[in-house]
């Protein structure tokens, strides 16, 4: 079994960008991701743009294979150079948090650091998203899926479900159930 330091680690970075610096910021963010991708253990990054002009927060979520490899990136000259350039484009200092597991599904735009809801609430909301999605997939594609060998069928269905959960369903469900998940935190 992996110890916590050997498990993948997700980092959530929030940056509020000056309106006149958006183009330069996005270009530098792309360059920073490209440079990070050259480091061992890098597992990918996603940049979320602001949800409205009134809230100029960009959120980047990136993942490394473990704490040790993340530490190598974080102490690198490449990252330091990029951070100096990025910070000059911001309204306020960068906010950063390391998280793991399903907590990354339960985050609201413009709220960092992420304070996870209670585990039972995350479980219920995840199930409320997962059950209808899985049911719909099997209802629509059941006859075709039945013809595929079990291991391949499971691989395909879980891949589709994870993409739907991560990029569509959980952002939607988190917003819809924010009042219950986060209580007064999200107000």
C-alpha atoms as a PDB file:
ATOM      1  CA  UNK A   1       0.000   0.000   0.000  1.00  0.00           C
ATOM      2  CA  UNK A   2       1.240   3.499  -0.838  1.00  0.00           C
ATOM      3  CA  UNK A   3       2.155   5.872   1.927  1.00  0.00           C
ATOM      4  CA  UNK A   4       0.670   9.377   1.620  1.00  0.00           C
ATOM      5  CA  UNK A   5       3.943  10.753   0.240  1.00  0.00           C
ATOM      6  CA  UNK A   6       3.903   8.179  -2.574  1.00  0.00           C
ATOM      7  CA  UNK A   7       0.346   8.901  -3.697  1.00  0.00           C
ATOM      8  CA  UNK A   8      -0.524  11.374  -6.465  1.00  0.00           C
ATOM      9  CA  UNK A   9      -0.890  14.933  -5.274  1.00  0.00           C
ATOM     10  CA  UNK A  10      -3.164  17.596  -6.751  1.00  0.00           C
ATOM     11  CA  UNK A  11      -2.367  21.278  -6.407  1.00  0.00           C
ATOM     12  CA  UNK A  12      -5.003  23.980  -6.825  1.00  0.00           C
ATOM     13  CA  UNK A  13      -3.657  27.429  -7.643  1.00  0.00           C
ATOM     14  CA  UNK A  14      -5.889  30.505  -7.769  1.00  0.00           C
ATOM     15  CA  UNK A  15      -4.783  33.754  -9.348  1.00  0.00           C
ATOM     16  CA  UNK A  16      -6.707  37.002  -9.750  1.00  0.00           C
ATOM     17  CA  UNK A  17      -5.451  38.642 -12.934  1.00  0.00           C
ATOM     18  CA  UNK A  18      -5.368  42.333 -13.793  1.00  0.00           C
ATOM     19  CA  UNK A  19      -7.841  42.944 -16.663  1.00  0.00           C
ATOM     20  CA  UNK A  20      -5.172  44.434 -18.917  1.00  0.00           C
ATOM     21  CA  UNK A  21      -2.863  41.428 -18.350  1.00  0.00           C
ATOM     22  CA  UNK A  22      -5.172  38.557 -19.346  1.00  0.00           C
ATOM     23  CA  UNK A  23      -3.482  37.751 -22.675  1.00  0.00           C
ATOM     24  CA  UNK A  24       0.015  37.829 -21.192  1.00  0.00           C
ATOM     25  CA  UNK A  25      -1.146  35.783 -18.193  1.00  0.00           C
ATOM     26  CA  UNK A  26      -2.700  33.043 -20.333  1.00  0.00           C
ATOM     27  CA  UNK A  27       0.414  32.850 -22.486  1.00  0.00           C
ATOM     28  CA  UNK A  28       2.670  32.567 -19.425  1.00  0.00           C
ATOM     29  CA  UNK A  29       0.352  29.965 -17.864  1.00  0.00           C
ATOM     30  CA  UNK A  30       0.596  27.853 -21.021  1.00  0.00           C
ATOM     31  CA  UNK A  31       4.380  28.168 -20.933  1.00  0.00           C
ATOM     32  CA  UNK A  32       4.499  27.217 -17.258  1.00  0.00           C
ATOM     33  CA  UNK A  33       2.404  24.095 -17.946  1.00  0.00           C
ATOM     34  CA  UNK A  34       4.665  23.180 -20.860  1.00  0.00           C
ATOM     35  CA  UNK A  35       7.734  23.500 -18.644  1.00  0.00           C
ATOM     36  CA  UNK A  36       6.137  21.496 -15.828  1.00  0.00           C
ATOM     37  CA  UNK A  37       5.279  18.736 -18.310  1.00  0.00           C
ATOM     38  CA  UNK A  38       8.992  18.179 -18.874  1.00  0.00           C
ATOM     39  CA  UNK A  39       9.451  17.161 -15.224  1.00  0.00           C
ATOM     40  CA  UNK A  40       9.286  13.552 -14.102  1.00  0.00           C
ATOM     41  CA  UNK A  41       5.999  12.715 -12.389  1.00  0.00           C
ATOM     42  CA  UNK A  42       3.927  15.456 -14.037  1.00  0.00           C
ATOM     43  CA  UNK A  43       0.438  14.074 -14.672  1.00  0.00           C
ATOM     44  CA  UNK A  44      -1.326  17.024 -16.296  1.00  0.00           C
ATOM     45  CA  UNK A  45      -2.930  20.383 -15.677  1.00  0.00           C
ATOM     46  CA  UNK A  46      -6.203  22.144 -16.382  1.00  0.00           C
ATOM     47  CA  UNK A  47      -6.731  25.896 -16.474  1.00  0.00           C
ATOM     48  CA  UNK A  48     -10.174  27.199 -15.550  1.00  0.00           C
ATOM     49  CA  UNK A  49     -10.921  30.708 -16.745  1.00  0.00           C
ATOM     50  CA  UNK A  50     -12.920  33.223 -14.692  1.00  0.00           C
ATOM     51  CA  UNK A  51     -16.634  32.524 -14.372  1.00  0.00           C
ATOM     52  CA  UNK A  52     -17.539  36.201 -14.800  1.00  0.00           C
ATOM     53  CA  UNK A  53     -15.877  39.569 -15.476  1.00  0.00           C
ATOM     54  CA  UNK A  54     -16.642  40.600 -11.898  1.00  0.00           C
ATOM     55  CA  UNK A  55     -14.511  37.745 -10.587  1.00  0.00           C
ATOM     56  CA  UNK A  56     -11.174  37.651 -12.467  1.00  0.00           C
ATOM     57  CA  UNK A  57      -9.954  34.481 -10.759  1.00  0.00           C
ATOM     58  CA  UNK A  58      -8.178  31.849 -12.793  1.00  0.00           C
ATOM     59  CA  UNK A  59      -7.831  28.437 -11.241  1.00  0.00           C
ATOM     60  CA  UNK A  60      -5.224  25.917 -12.309  1.00  0.00           C
ATOM     61  CA  UNK A  61      -5.363  22.359 -11.132  1.00  0.00           C
ATOM     62  CA  UNK A  62      -2.290  20.243 -11.728  1.00  0.00           C
ATOM     63  CA  UNK A  63      -1.149  16.855 -10.573  1.00  0.00           C
ATOM     64  CA  UNK A  64       2.147  15.129  -9.872  1.00  0.00           C
ATOM     65  CA  UNK A  65       2.757  11.439  -9.224  1.00  0.00           C
ATOM     66  CA  UNK A  66       3.932  12.064  -5.660  1.00  0.00           C
ATOM     67  CA  UNK A  67       5.162  14.673  -3.170  1.00  0.00           C
ATOM     68  CA  UNK A  68       8.836  14.109  -3.985  1.00  0.00           C
ATOM     69  CA  UNK A  69       8.432  14.794  -7.704  1.00  0.00           C
ATOM     70  CA  UNK A  70       6.220  17.783  -6.987  1.00  0.00           C
ATOM     71  CA  UNK A  71       8.949  19.143  -4.707  1.00  0.00           C
ATOM     72  CA  UNK A  72      11.501  18.879  -7.530  1.00  0.00           C
ATOM     73  CA  UNK A  73       9.244  20.988  -9.787  1.00  0.00           C
ATOM     74  CA  UNK A  74       8.469  23.464  -7.024  1.00  0.00           C
ATOM     75  CA  UNK A  75      12.145  24.059  -6.261  1.00  0.00           C
ATOM     76  CA  UNK A  76      13.166  24.342  -9.918  1.00  0.00           C
ATOM     77  CA  UNK A  77      14.651  27.442 -11.535  1.00  0.00           C
ATOM     78  CA  UNK A  78      12.077  27.122 -14.359  1.00  0.00           C
ATOM     79  CA  UNK A  79       9.157  27.445 -11.962  1.00  0.00           C
ATOM     80  CA  UNK A  80      10.765  30.301 -10.028  1.00  0.00           C
ATOM     81  CA  UNK A  81      11.353  32.240 -13.251  1.00  0.00           C
ATOM     82  CA  UNK A  82       7.756  31.745 -14.410  1.00  0.00           C
ATOM     83  CA  UNK A  83       6.300  32.670 -11.014  1.00  0.00           C
ATOM     84  CA  UNK A  84       8.160  35.991 -10.990  1.00  0.00           C
ATOM     85  CA  UNK A  85       6.656  36.871 -14.363  1.00  0.00           C
ATOM     86  CA  UNK A  86       3.148  35.703 -13.401  1.00  0.00           C
ATOM     87  CA  UNK A  87       2.999  37.476 -10.045  1.00  0.00           C
ATOM     88  CA  UNK A  88       3.553  40.840 -11.751  1.00  0.00           C
ATOM     89  CA  UNK A  89       0.249  40.356 -13.621  1.00  0.00           C
ATOM     90  CA  UNK A  90      -1.892  39.699 -10.565  1.00  0.00           C
ATOM     91  CA  UNK A  91      -4.264  41.811  -8.488  1.00  0.00           C
ATOM     92  CA  UNK A  92      -3.409  39.834  -5.341  1.00  0.00           C
ATOM     93  CA  UNK A  93      -0.859  37.142  -4.429  1.00  0.00           C
ATOM     94  CA  UNK A  94      -1.330  33.595  -5.682  1.00  0.00           C
ATOM     95  CA  UNK A  95      -3.287  31.234  -3.436  1.00  0.00           C
ATOM     96  CA  UNK A  96      -2.238  27.598  -3.445  1.00  0.00           C
ATOM     97  CA  UNK A  97      -3.416  24.388  -1.821  1.00  0.00           C
ATOM     98  CA  UNK A  98      -2.487  20.714  -2.086  1.00  0.00           C
ATOM     99  CA  UNK A  99      -5.370  18.246  -1.950  1.00  0.00           C
ATOM    100  CA  UNK A 100      -6.000  14.607  -2.674  1.00  0.00           C
ATOM    101  CA  UNK A 101      -8.827  12.277  -3.546  1.00  0.00           C
ATOM    102  CA  UNK A 102     -12.384  13.329  -4.345  1.00  0.00           C
ATOM    103  CA  UNK A 103     -11.938  16.702  -2.642  1.00  0.00           C
ATOM    104  CA  UNK A 104     -10.883  18.149  -6.012  1.00  0.00           C
ATOM    105  CA  UNK A 105     -14.376  17.447  -7.347  1.00  0.00           C
ATOM    106  CA  UNK A 106     -15.883  19.583  -4.605  1.00  0.00           C
ATOM    107  CA  UNK A 107     -14.563  23.058  -5.223  1.00  0.00           C
ATOM    108  CA  UNK A 108     -16.387  26.238  -6.075  1.00  0.00           C
ATOM    109  CA  UNK A 109     -15.050  28.950  -8.383  1.00  0.00           C
ATOM    110  CA  UNK A 110     -13.586  31.882  -6.460  1.00  0.00           C
ATOM    111  CA  UNK A 111     -13.220  29.831  -3.286  1.00  0.00           C
ATOM    112  CA  UNK A 112      -9.711  28.852  -2.394  1.00  0.00           C
ATOM    113  CA  UNK A 113      -8.437  27.203  -0.382  1.00  0.00           C
ATOM    114  CA  UNK A 114     -10.827  24.322  -0.768  1.00  0.00           C
ATOM    115  CA  UNK A 115     -12.448  23.310   2.493  1.00  0.00           C
ATOM    116  CA  UNK A 116     -13.897  19.902   1.816  1.00  0.00           C
ATOM    117  CA  UNK A 117     -17.450  19.138   2.807  1.00  0.00           C
ATOM    118  CA  UNK A 118     -18.078  16.222   5.165  1.00  0.00           C
ATOM    119  CA  UNK A 119     -17.284  12.890   3.567  1.00  0.00           C
ATOM    120  CA  UNK A 120     -20.875  11.617   3.745  1.00  0.00           C
ATOM    121  CA  UNK A 121     -22.085  14.682   1.810  1.00  0.00           C
ATOM    122  CA  UNK A 122     -19.421  14.169  -0.883  1.00  0.00           C
ATOM    123  CA  UNK A 123     -20.459  10.527  -1.141  1.00  0.00           C
ATOM    124  CA  UNK A 124     -24.170  11.330  -1.516  1.00  0.00           C
ATOM    125  CA  UNK A 125     -23.652  14.046  -4.146  1.00  0.00           C
ATOM    126  CA  UNK A 126     -21.195  11.835  -6.068  1.00  0.00           C
ATOM    127  CA  UNK A 127     -23.726   9.004  -6.057  1.00  0.00           C
ATOM    128  CA  UNK A 128     -26.503  11.381  -7.194  1.00  0.00           C
ATOM    129  CA  UNK A 129     -24.356  12.228 -10.219  1.00  0.00           C
ATOM    130  CA  UNK A 130     -22.940   8.762 -10.879  1.00  0.00           C
ATOM    131  CA  UNK A 131     -26.085   6.632 -10.646  1.00  0.00           C
ATOM    132  CA  UNK A 132     -28.122   8.412 -13.354  1.00  0.00           C
ATOM    133  CA  UNK A 133     -25.071   8.756 -15.605  1.00  0.00           C
ATOM    134  CA  UNK A 134     -24.267   5.031 -15.386  1.00  0.00           C
ATOM    135  CA  UNK A 135     -27.927   4.130 -15.843  1.00  0.00           C
ATOM    136  CA  UNK A 136     -28.193   6.336 -18.931  1.00  0.00           C
ATOM    137  CA  UNK A 137     -25.042   4.843 -20.469  1.00  0.00           C
ATOM    138  CA  UNK A 138     -26.307   1.298 -19.961  1.00  0.00           C
ATOM    139  CA  UNK A 139     -29.808   2.205 -21.158  1.00  0.00           C
ATOM    140  CA  UNK A 140     -28.531   3.875 -24.344  1.00  0.00           C
ATOM    141  CA  UNK A 141     -25.646   1.550 -25.167  1.00  0.00           C
ATOM    142  CA  UNK A 142     -26.493  -1.646 -23.262  1.00  0.00           C
ATOM    143  CA  UNK A 143     -27.017  -3.890 -26.291  1.00  0.00           C
ATOM    144  CA  UNK A 144     -23.707  -2.815 -27.857  1.00  0.00           C
ATOM    145  CA  UNK A 145     -21.848  -2.977 -24.568  1.00  0.00           C
ATOM    146  CA  UNK A 146     -23.116  -6.509 -23.897  1.00  0.00           C
ATOM    147  CA  UNK A 147     -21.258  -7.706 -26.985  1.00  0.00           C
ATOM    148  CA  UNK A 148     -17.919  -6.387 -25.682  1.00  0.00           C
ATOM    149  CA  UNK A 149     -15.804  -8.540 -23.343  1.00  0.00           C
ATOM    150  CA  UNK A 150     -16.278  -7.630 -19.679  1.00  0.00           C
ATOM    151  CA  UNK A 151     -12.837  -6.108 -19.043  1.00  0.00           C
ATOM    152  CA  UNK A 152     -13.000  -3.902 -22.143  1.00  0.00           C
ATOM    153  CA  UNK A 153     -16.629  -2.967 -21.411  1.00  0.00           C
ATOM    154  CA  UNK A 154     -15.727  -1.949 -17.857  1.00  0.00           C
ATOM    155  CA  UNK A 155     -12.720   0.001 -19.120  1.00  0.00           C
ATOM    156  CA  UNK A 156     -14.833   1.949 -21.621  1.00  0.00           C
ATOM    157  CA  UNK A 157     -17.750   2.657 -19.282  1.00  0.00           C
ATOM    158  CA  UNK A 158     -15.560   3.778 -16.388  1.00  0.00           C
ATOM    159  CA  UNK A 159     -13.455   5.994 -18.691  1.00  0.00           C
ATOM    160  CA  UNK A 160     -16.584   7.739 -19.979  1.00  0.00           C
ATOM    161  CA  UNK A 161     -18.003   8.037 -16.461  1.00  0.00           C
ATOM    162  CA  UNK A 162     -14.806   9.518 -15.018  1.00  0.00           C
ATOM    163  CA  UNK A 163     -14.610  12.119 -17.787  1.00  0.00           C
ATOM    164  CA  UNK A 164     -18.282  12.997 -17.301  1.00  0.00           C
ATOM    165  CA  UNK A 165     -17.919  13.132 -13.531  1.00  0.00           C
ATOM    166  CA  UNK A 166     -14.761  15.266 -13.559  1.00  0.00           C
ATOM    167  CA  UNK A 167     -15.651  17.753 -16.280  1.00  0.00           C
ATOM    168  CA  UNK A 168     -19.435  17.902 -16.445  1.00  0.00           C
ATOM    169  CA  UNK A 169     -21.398  16.299 -13.642  1.00  0.00           C
ATOM    170  CA  UNK A 170     -19.416  17.170 -10.522  1.00  0.00           C
ATOM    171  CA  UNK A 171     -18.909  20.846 -11.401  1.00  0.00           C
ATOM    172  CA  UNK A 172     -22.675  21.013 -12.063  1.00  0.00           C
ATOM    173  CA  UNK A 173     -23.633  19.056  -8.939  1.00  0.00           C
ATOM    174  CA  UNK A 174     -21.224  20.993  -6.718  1.00  0.00           C
ATOM    175  CA  UNK A 175     -22.794  24.274  -7.799  1.00  0.00           C
ATOM    176  CA  UNK A 176     -26.344  22.936  -7.389  1.00  0.00           C
ATOM    177  CA  UNK A 177     -25.692  21.446  -3.958  1.00  0.00           C
ATOM    178  CA  UNK A 178     -23.282  24.125  -2.668  1.00  0.00           C
ATOM    179  CA  UNK A 179     -25.872  25.290  -0.132  1.00  0.00           C
ATOM    180  CA  UNK A 180     -25.850  21.826   1.439  1.00  0.00           C
ATOM    181  CA  UNK A 181     -22.221  20.825   0.857  1.00  0.00           C
ATOM    182  CA  UNK A 182     -20.596  23.997   2.095  1.00  0.00           C
ATOM    183  CA  UNK A 183     -23.300  25.663   4.151  1.00  0.00           C
ATOM    184  CA  UNK A 184     -22.388  29.297   4.825  1.00  0.00           C
ATOM    185  CA  UNK A 185     -18.853  28.901   3.406  1.00  0.00           C
ATOM    186  CA  UNK A 186     -19.969  29.565  -0.164  1.00  0.00           C
ATOM    187  CA  UNK A 187     -22.011  32.693   0.579  1.00  0.00           C
END
